[in-house]
Protein backbone atom coordinates (compact mmCIF):
# COMPACT_ATOMS: atom_id res chain seq x y z
CA MET A 1 73.25 160.88 49.20
CA GLU A 2 70.71 159.86 51.84
CA VAL A 3 69.46 157.02 49.65
CA LYS A 4 73.02 155.77 49.25
CA TYR A 5 73.62 155.94 53.00
CA GLU A 6 70.50 153.91 53.71
CA ARG A 7 71.58 151.43 51.06
CA LEU A 8 74.94 151.12 52.83
CA ARG A 9 73.28 150.54 56.19
CA ASP A 10 70.96 147.91 54.73
CA MET A 11 73.90 146.09 53.14
CA LEU A 12 75.79 146.06 56.44
CA ALA A 13 72.74 145.02 58.44
CA ALA A 14 72.44 141.92 56.26
CA LEU A 15 75.84 140.68 57.49
CA ASP A 16 76.27 138.44 60.53
CA GLY A 17 79.43 140.34 61.37
CA VAL A 18 82.30 142.04 59.61
CA ALA A 19 86.01 142.73 60.07
CA VAL A 20 86.80 146.20 58.70
CA ALA A 21 90.25 146.99 57.36
CA PHE A 22 90.74 150.21 59.32
CA SER A 23 93.49 152.70 58.53
CA GLY A 24 91.94 155.66 60.30
CA GLY A 25 91.43 157.56 57.05
CA VAL A 26 88.24 159.26 55.87
CA ASP A 27 86.75 156.26 54.08
CA SER A 28 87.58 153.42 56.46
CA THR A 29 86.54 155.52 59.47
CA PHE A 30 83.15 156.23 57.92
CA LEU A 31 82.70 152.57 56.98
CA LEU A 32 83.65 151.43 60.48
CA HIS A 33 81.27 153.97 62.02
CA ALA A 34 78.39 152.85 59.80
CA ALA A 35 79.07 149.18 60.46
CA HIS A 36 79.33 149.70 64.22
CA SER A 37 76.11 151.74 64.32
CA VAL A 38 74.27 148.85 62.64
CA LEU A 39 76.05 145.74 63.93
CA GLY A 40 77.44 146.88 67.28
CA GLY A 41 79.69 144.25 68.85
CA ARG A 42 79.66 142.12 65.71
CA VAL A 43 82.16 144.53 64.17
CA LEU A 44 85.93 144.18 64.46
CA ALA A 45 88.36 146.86 63.32
CA VAL A 46 91.72 145.55 62.07
CA THR A 47 94.68 147.91 61.60
CA ALA A 48 98.02 146.87 60.13
CA ARG A 49 101.18 148.13 61.81
CA SER A 50 104.15 148.49 59.48
CA GLU A 51 107.03 150.77 58.57
CA SER A 52 105.01 152.25 55.71
CA PHE A 53 102.28 153.33 58.17
CA PRO A 54 103.30 156.34 60.31
CA ALA A 55 102.95 155.99 64.07
CA ARG A 56 100.70 159.09 64.19
CA GLU A 57 98.14 157.32 61.99
CA LEU A 58 98.20 154.20 64.17
CA ARG A 59 97.64 156.31 67.31
CA GLU A 60 94.66 158.06 65.74
CA ALA A 61 93.12 154.75 64.69
CA SER A 62 93.58 153.28 68.17
CA ASP A 63 92.16 156.36 69.88
CA PHE A 64 89.08 156.37 67.64
CA CYS A 65 88.22 152.76 68.48
CA ALA A 66 88.91 153.23 72.19
CA ARG A 67 86.65 156.30 72.44
CA ARG A 68 83.78 154.52 70.70
CA GLY A 69 84.15 151.12 72.31
CA ILE A 70 84.91 149.32 69.06
CA ARG A 71 86.82 146.05 69.19
CA HIS A 72 90.21 146.67 67.63
CA VAL A 73 93.01 144.33 66.59
CA ILE A 74 96.41 145.64 65.53
CA CYS A 75 98.36 143.17 63.44
CA ASP A 76 101.91 143.30 62.14
CA SER A 77 102.03 143.43 58.37
CA GLU A 78 105.59 143.94 57.25
CA GLU A 79 105.49 144.69 53.56
CA MET A 80 109.28 144.57 53.26
CA ASP A 81 109.09 140.81 53.79
CA ILE A 82 106.74 140.31 50.83
CA ASP A 83 108.53 138.78 47.86
CA GLY A 84 109.03 141.44 45.19
CA PHE A 85 107.65 144.35 47.21
CA ALA A 86 110.97 146.11 47.81
CA GLN A 87 111.64 146.24 44.06
CA ASN A 88 108.57 148.49 43.78
CA PRO A 89 106.97 147.01 40.66
CA VAL A 90 103.86 148.60 39.16
CA ASN A 91 101.74 145.96 40.91
CA ARG A 92 103.30 146.69 44.31
CA CYS A 93 99.93 147.62 45.77
CA TYR A 94 98.48 144.29 44.66
CA LEU A 95 101.27 142.38 46.40
CA CYS A 96 100.72 144.35 49.59
CA LYS A 97 96.91 144.16 49.63
CA ASN A 98 96.95 140.45 48.84
CA ALA A 99 99.15 139.79 51.88
CA LEU A 100 97.24 142.22 54.10
CA PHE A 101 93.75 140.97 53.35
CA SER A 102 94.88 137.36 53.65
CA LYS A 103 96.03 138.20 57.17
CA ILE A 104 92.77 140.04 57.97
CA TRP A 105 90.81 136.98 56.81
CA GLU A 106 92.82 134.86 59.26
CA ILE A 107 91.99 137.28 62.08
CA ALA A 108 88.31 137.30 61.07
CA HIS A 109 88.18 133.50 61.20
CA VAL A 110 89.76 133.46 64.67
CA HIS A 111 86.97 135.78 65.84
CA ALA A 112 84.26 133.77 64.03
CA ILE A 113 83.50 136.65 61.66
CA ALA A 114 82.29 135.65 58.20
CA HIS A 115 83.02 138.82 56.23
CA VAL A 116 85.88 141.26 55.60
CA ALA A 117 85.29 144.78 54.23
CA GLU A 118 87.46 147.64 53.04
CA GLY A 119 86.84 151.32 52.42
CA SER A 120 87.35 152.09 48.74
CA ASN A 121 84.73 154.46 47.30
CA LEU A 122 83.23 155.08 43.88
CA ASP A 123 85.91 157.63 42.94
CA ASP A 124 88.61 154.97 43.28
CA ASP A 125 87.41 153.38 40.05
CA GLY A 126 88.95 156.29 38.13
CA ASP A 127 92.61 155.71 39.04
CA TYR A 128 95.15 152.93 38.69
CA ARG A 129 94.37 150.77 41.73
CA PRO A 130 95.97 147.31 41.46
CA GLY A 131 95.06 146.68 45.09
CA LEU A 132 91.42 146.39 44.08
CA ARG A 133 92.26 143.22 42.17
CA ALA A 134 93.38 141.63 45.43
CA VAL A 135 90.13 142.80 47.03
CA ALA A 136 88.11 141.04 44.33
CA GLU A 137 90.21 137.87 44.33
CA LEU A 138 89.96 137.41 48.09
CA GLY A 139 86.24 138.09 48.33
CA VAL A 140 86.61 141.27 50.38
CA LEU A 141 83.51 143.48 50.43
CA SER A 142 83.63 147.12 49.29
CA PRO A 143 80.37 148.48 50.75
CA LEU A 144 81.04 152.16 50.03
CA ARG A 145 81.66 151.48 46.35
CA GLU A 146 78.71 149.12 46.15
CA ALA A 147 76.46 151.78 47.66
CA GLY A 148 77.73 154.27 45.08
CA LEU A 149 79.19 156.72 47.60
CA THR A 150 81.75 159.26 46.39
CA LYS A 151 84.50 160.87 48.44
CA GLU A 152 82.63 164.15 48.64
CA GLU A 153 79.50 162.40 49.89
CA ILE A 154 81.47 160.42 52.47
CA ARG A 155 83.00 163.64 53.79
CA ALA A 156 79.58 165.29 54.00
CA LEU A 157 78.04 162.32 55.81
CA SER A 158 81.07 162.05 58.11
CA ARG A 159 80.63 165.68 59.11
CA ARG A 160 76.95 165.15 59.82
CA GLU A 161 77.74 162.06 61.89
CA GLY A 162 80.30 163.99 63.93
CA LEU A 163 83.33 162.02 62.78
CA PRO A 164 86.67 163.79 63.37
CA THR A 165 87.97 162.62 59.99
CA TRP A 166 85.41 164.45 57.85
CA ASP A 167 88.02 166.98 56.71
CA LYS A 168 91.12 164.82 57.15
CA GLN A 169 93.50 164.98 54.23
CA PRO A 170 93.98 161.86 52.08
CA PHE A 171 96.74 159.50 53.14
CA ALA A 172 98.38 156.60 51.33
CA CYS A 173 101.08 154.28 52.61
CA LEU A 174 104.60 155.66 52.47
CA ALA A 175 105.59 153.13 49.81
CA SER A 176 103.48 155.11 47.33
CA ARG A 177 106.04 157.93 47.49
CA PHE A 178 108.62 156.11 45.38
CA VAL A 179 108.86 156.13 41.61
CA TYR A 180 108.12 152.67 40.22
CA GLY A 181 111.22 150.51 39.91
CA GLU A 182 113.15 152.27 42.67
CA THR A 183 114.12 149.94 45.49
CA ILE A 184 112.29 150.63 48.73
CA THR A 185 114.21 150.23 51.99
CA ARG A 186 113.34 150.73 55.62
CA GLU A 187 115.78 153.63 55.75
CA LYS A 188 114.08 155.37 52.81
CA LEU A 189 110.65 154.91 54.38
CA GLN A 190 111.94 156.55 57.56
CA MET A 191 113.38 159.43 55.51
CA VAL A 192 110.00 160.07 53.90
CA ASP A 193 108.12 159.78 57.19
CA ARG A 194 110.41 162.30 58.91
CA ALA A 195 110.35 164.66 55.94
CA GLU A 196 106.56 164.69 55.80
CA GLN A 197 106.34 165.07 59.56
CA LEU A 198 108.46 168.23 59.32
CA LEU A 199 106.04 169.69 56.76
CA LEU A 200 103.06 168.79 58.94
CA ASP A 201 104.76 170.36 61.96
CA LEU A 202 105.22 173.54 59.92
CA GLY A 203 101.45 173.69 59.44
CA PHE A 204 101.03 172.26 55.95
CA ARG A 205 97.82 170.24 55.71
CA GLN A 206 98.23 168.35 52.46
CA VAL A 207 101.73 167.01 51.80
CA ARG A 208 103.56 164.31 49.92
CA VAL A 209 107.31 163.85 49.65
CA ARG A 210 107.87 161.89 46.45
CA VAL A 211 111.25 160.20 46.03
CA HIS A 212 113.20 160.08 42.76
CA GLY A 213 116.60 158.64 43.66
CA THR A 214 118.16 161.23 45.96
CA VAL A 215 115.69 163.93 44.86
CA ALA A 216 112.77 164.83 47.14
CA ARG A 217 109.81 166.26 45.20
CA ILE A 218 107.46 168.07 47.58
CA GLU A 219 103.76 168.26 46.78
CA THR A 220 101.52 170.56 48.82
CA GLY A 221 98.06 171.95 48.34
CA ALA A 222 98.04 174.61 45.61
CA ASP A 223 97.14 177.26 48.19
CA GLU A 224 100.15 176.23 50.30
CA LEU A 225 102.78 176.62 47.58
CA PRO A 226 103.66 180.23 48.55
CA ALA A 227 104.25 179.18 52.15
CA ALA A 228 106.52 176.33 51.04
CA ALA A 229 108.66 178.78 49.06
CA ARG A 230 108.78 181.39 51.82
CA GLU A 231 112.38 182.11 52.78
CA ASP A 232 112.31 180.82 56.36
CA ASN A 233 110.43 177.64 55.46
CA ARG A 234 112.51 177.10 52.34
CA ARG A 235 115.78 177.23 54.26
CA LEU A 236 114.53 174.95 57.05
CA ILE A 237 113.05 172.40 54.67
CA CYS A 238 116.17 172.24 52.51
CA ARG A 239 118.50 171.94 55.49
CA THR A 240 116.44 169.26 57.22
CA PHE A 241 115.83 167.21 54.08
CA LYS A 242 119.54 167.16 53.31
CA GLU A 243 120.27 166.08 56.87
CA LEU A 244 117.83 163.22 56.30
CA GLY A 245 119.82 162.11 53.24
CA PHE A 246 118.29 163.85 50.23
CA SER A 247 120.73 165.50 47.82
CA TYR A 248 118.20 167.79 46.14
CA VAL A 249 114.89 169.25 47.28
CA THR A 250 112.27 170.41 44.78
CA LEU A 251 108.78 171.91 45.00
CA ASP A 252 106.26 170.55 42.50
CA LEU A 253 104.46 173.57 41.00
CA ASN A 254 101.50 171.37 40.06
CA GLY A 255 100.82 170.89 43.74
CA TYR A 256 99.35 167.83 45.39
CA ARG A 257 97.33 165.34 43.36
CA THR A 258 96.35 161.77 44.10
CA GLY A 259 98.57 159.08 42.60
CA SER A 260 101.01 161.40 40.85
CA MET A 261 103.48 158.52 40.47
CA ASN A 262 100.96 156.88 38.15
CA GLU A 263 101.54 159.72 35.68
CA THR A 264 104.70 157.90 34.61
CA LEU A 265 102.82 154.76 33.61
CA PRO A 266 102.11 154.18 29.91
CA ALA A 267 98.54 154.87 28.89
CA ALA A 268 96.34 151.83 28.48
CA PRO A 269 95.84 150.86 24.82
């Protein structure tokens, strides 16, 4: 792990400057921290503001940069305006990342920064990640993957470095909550955001509200399943979700897992 971390720092030190795509999650926070510790003022954090990115995440990203004196640009990246995005095709993530990183490159050029980097790690190679194709096509660097760092190692190093995100739960944009082929609307994104916020307010740490038509499928950590089914929580969740517009509310007994919507995709030949 230490060898990988030093490799990461050496890779970053070789850059004249870098714009980091910064969501405030575990990986991008660690990458931004490492880059800033090596390059100082030659680092620029860029965060996209959109309806698929909850306001709480944007606040945390802004606060992190402000506390550490890191230059931070917030840009508007409205995925709903991307041709084909709302139809939620299987390459939705590619469409989004292609538009996002193109915009980050424009911001980097304005600030005379020659490189753009993002925070995917070695574990991301094991799932369906069409967004990584956009990363490769646009020449965006993936230093954590290149250094061979896994999610577990990034968490351990983040804890050692005193980063508040070391135990933060994974987050993906709200558009990932919809079954492929289902039309995404601003209203549906707001429904998901409010539904997940309720679960977080109730004390659940790991949550996803997956949308199948008018059915809300709740995923929580396996250890949180009993709490989700507890009578008081069950009644409140059902009532609130139906007020938000869901007809049916279900609890997924498999619990939370990354990219569960990809389970519906046909296996590669």
